[in-house]
Amino acid sequence: MKSTINKSWHSTHRMPKGASMPQRINWHLQHERHCQCRPTPELVKKAMERIVAKKEIS
């Protein structure tokens, strides 16, 4: 899923230093919509899956 980097998006949407998992999830969701230069890391994907699973149980 590699594509060209969206430099303007990246320059205005930096990942915060020491970002919490919710911040990382939000950043990567936005990144998928606006850039897609690289895949979402597995650790973040797994955290997203856990959140979805919790919502399905409730």
N, C-alpha and C. Protein backbone atom coordinates (compact mmCIF):
# COMPACT_ATOMS: atom_id res chain seq x y z
N MET A 1 0.83 -1.19 0.00
CA MET A 1 0.00 0.00 0.00
C MET A 1 0.87 1.25 0.00
N LYS A 2 2.05 1.19 -0.52
CA LYS A 2 2.91 2.35 -0.56
C LYS A 2 2.48 3.31 -1.66
N SER A 3 2.48 4.58 -1.34
CA SER A 3 2.19 5.60 -2.34
C SER A 3 3.06 6.81 -2.04
N THR A 4 2.90 7.84 -2.80
CA THR A 4 3.68 9.05 -2.63
C THR A 4 3.31 9.74 -1.33
N ILE A 5 4.31 10.30 -0.67
CA ILE A 5 4.06 10.99 0.59
C ILE A 5 3.37 12.33 0.33
N ASN A 6 2.43 12.65 1.17
CA ASN A 6 1.73 13.93 1.12
C ASN A 6 2.50 14.86 2.06
N LYS A 7 3.50 15.55 1.52
CA LYS A 7 4.40 16.38 2.33
C LYS A 7 3.67 17.49 3.06
N SER A 8 2.70 18.10 2.42
CA SER A 8 1.99 19.20 3.08
C SER A 8 1.20 18.70 4.29
N TRP A 9 0.58 17.51 4.17
CA TRP A 9 -0.16 16.96 5.30
C TRP A 9 0.81 16.63 6.44
N HIS A 10 1.90 15.95 6.12
CA HIS A 10 2.87 15.57 7.14
C HIS A 10 3.48 16.78 7.84
N SER A 11 3.73 17.86 7.11
CA SER A 11 4.36 19.03 7.73
C SER A 11 3.43 19.72 8.72
N THR A 12 2.12 19.57 8.55
CA THR A 12 1.17 20.23 9.46
C THR A 12 0.53 19.26 10.46
N HIS A 13 0.84 17.99 10.35
CA HIS A 13 0.25 16.99 11.25
C HIS A 13 1.34 16.08 11.81
N ARG A 14 2.10 16.61 12.71
CA ARG A 14 3.17 15.84 13.33
C ARG A 14 2.62 15.01 14.49
N MET A 15 3.16 13.81 14.61
CA MET A 15 2.80 12.96 15.75
C MET A 15 3.43 13.59 17.00
N PRO A 16 2.65 13.82 18.05
CA PRO A 16 3.23 14.40 19.27
C PRO A 16 4.30 13.48 19.87
N LYS A 17 5.33 14.08 20.46
CA LYS A 17 6.34 13.27 21.16
C LYS A 17 5.69 12.60 22.34
N GLY A 18 5.98 11.33 22.53
CA GLY A 18 5.40 10.59 23.66
C GLY A 18 3.89 10.45 23.55
N ALA A 19 3.38 10.36 22.32
CA ALA A 19 1.93 10.30 22.10
C ALA A 19 1.31 9.09 22.81
N SER A 20 0.14 9.32 23.39
CA SER A 20 -0.60 8.23 24.01
C SER A 20 -1.18 7.35 22.90
N MET A 21 -1.64 6.16 23.25
CA MET A 21 -2.22 5.28 22.24
C MET A 21 -3.44 5.92 21.57
N PRO A 22 -4.36 6.57 22.30
CA PRO A 22 -5.48 7.23 21.62
C PRO A 22 -5.01 8.30 20.62
N GLN A 23 -3.96 9.04 20.97
CA GLN A 23 -3.42 10.03 20.05
C GLN A 23 -2.82 9.35 18.82
N ARG A 24 -2.12 8.26 19.04
CA ARG A 24 -1.52 7.52 17.92
C ARG A 24 -2.59 6.96 17.00
N ILE A 25 -3.65 6.40 17.59
CA ILE A 25 -4.74 5.85 16.78
C ILE A 25 -5.36 6.96 15.93
N ASN A 26 -5.67 8.09 16.55
CA ASN A 26 -6.27 9.20 15.83
C ASN A 26 -5.35 9.68 14.70
N TRP A 27 -4.06 9.83 14.98
CA TRP A 27 -3.11 10.28 13.96
C TRP A 27 -3.09 9.31 12.78
N HIS A 28 -3.03 8.02 13.07
CA HIS A 28 -2.95 7.03 11.99
C HIS A 28 -4.25 6.94 11.20
N LEU A 29 -5.40 7.12 11.85
CA LEU A 29 -6.67 7.14 11.11
C LEU A 29 -6.68 8.32 10.12
N GLN A 30 -6.25 9.48 10.59
CA GLN A 30 -6.17 10.65 9.71
C GLN A 30 -5.14 10.43 8.60
N HIS A 31 -4.04 9.82 8.97
CA HIS A 31 -2.97 9.55 8.00
C HIS A 31 -3.47 8.66 6.87
N GLU A 32 -4.24 7.64 7.21
CA GLU A 32 -4.79 6.75 6.18
C GLU A 32 -5.69 7.51 5.21
N ARG A 33 -6.40 8.50 5.71
CA ARG A 33 -7.29 9.29 4.85
C ARG A 33 -6.55 10.27 3.95
N HIS A 34 -5.43 10.82 4.46
CA HIS A 34 -4.79 11.93 3.76
C HIS A 34 -3.46 11.61 3.10
N CYS A 35 -2.82 10.54 3.45
CA CYS A 35 -1.49 10.31 2.89
C CYS A 35 -1.28 8.88 2.42
N GLN A 36 -1.33 7.93 3.30
CA GLN A 36 -1.15 6.51 2.96
C GLN A 36 0.25 6.18 2.46
N CYS A 37 1.26 6.92 2.91
CA CYS A 37 2.62 6.64 2.44
C CYS A 37 3.20 5.38 3.05
N ARG A 38 2.61 4.93 4.15
CA ARG A 38 3.07 3.70 4.80
C ARG A 38 1.91 3.10 5.58
N PRO A 39 1.99 1.82 5.87
CA PRO A 39 0.89 1.18 6.61
C PRO A 39 0.90 1.57 8.10
N THR A 40 -0.24 1.42 8.72
CA THR A 40 -0.36 1.63 10.16
C THR A 40 0.43 0.53 10.88
N PRO A 41 1.22 0.89 11.89
CA PRO A 41 1.99 -0.13 12.62
C PRO A 41 1.08 -1.18 13.27
N GLU A 42 1.57 -2.39 13.36
CA GLU A 42 0.80 -3.50 13.93
C GLU A 42 0.33 -3.21 15.35
N LEU A 43 1.16 -2.59 16.17
CA LEU A 43 0.79 -2.28 17.55
C LEU A 43 -0.45 -1.39 17.58
N VAL A 44 -0.51 -0.42 16.70
CA VAL A 44 -1.66 0.49 16.64
C VAL A 44 -2.88 -0.24 16.10
N LYS A 45 -2.69 -1.07 15.08
CA LYS A 45 -3.81 -1.86 14.53
C LYS A 45 -4.42 -2.75 15.60
N LYS A 46 -3.58 -3.40 16.40
CA LYS A 46 -4.07 -4.29 17.46
C LYS A 46 -4.85 -3.50 18.51
N ALA A 47 -4.38 -2.31 18.84
CA ALA A 47 -5.11 -1.47 19.80
C ALA A 47 -6.47 -1.08 19.24
N MET A 48 -6.53 -0.77 17.95
CA MET A 48 -7.81 -0.44 17.30
C MET A 48 -8.75 -1.64 17.36
N GLU A 49 -8.23 -2.82 17.08
CA GLU A 49 -9.04 -4.05 17.11
C GLU A 49 -9.61 -4.30 18.50
N ARG A 50 -8.81 -4.05 19.55
CA ARG A 50 -9.29 -4.24 20.92
C ARG A 50 -10.44 -3.29 21.23
N ILE A 51 -10.35 -2.07 20.75
CA ILE A 51 -11.41 -1.09 20.99
C ILE A 51 -12.69 -1.53 20.29
N VAL A 52 -12.58 -1.98 19.06
CA VAL A 52 -13.75 -2.45 18.30
C VAL A 52 -14.37 -3.66 19.00
N ALA A 53 -13.52 -4.60 19.44
CA ALA A 53 -14.01 -5.79 20.12
C ALA A 53 -14.78 -5.42 21.39
N LYS A 54 -14.28 -4.47 22.15
CA LYS A 54 -14.97 -4.03 23.38
C LYS A 54 -16.34 -3.46 23.05
N LYS A 55 -16.42 -2.68 21.98
CA LYS A 55 -17.71 -2.07 21.59
C LYS A 55 -18.70 -3.12 21.13
N GLU A 56 -18.21 -4.19 20.51
CA GLU A 56 -19.10 -5.25 20.04
C GLU A 56 -19.66 -6.04 21.22
N ILE A 57 -18.90 -6.14 22.30
CA ILE A 57 -19.34 -6.89 23.47
C ILE A 57 -20.38 -6.09 24.25
N SER A 58 -20.20 -4.77 24.35
CA SER A 58 -21.11 -3.94 25.14
C SER A 58 -22.48 -3.84 24.56
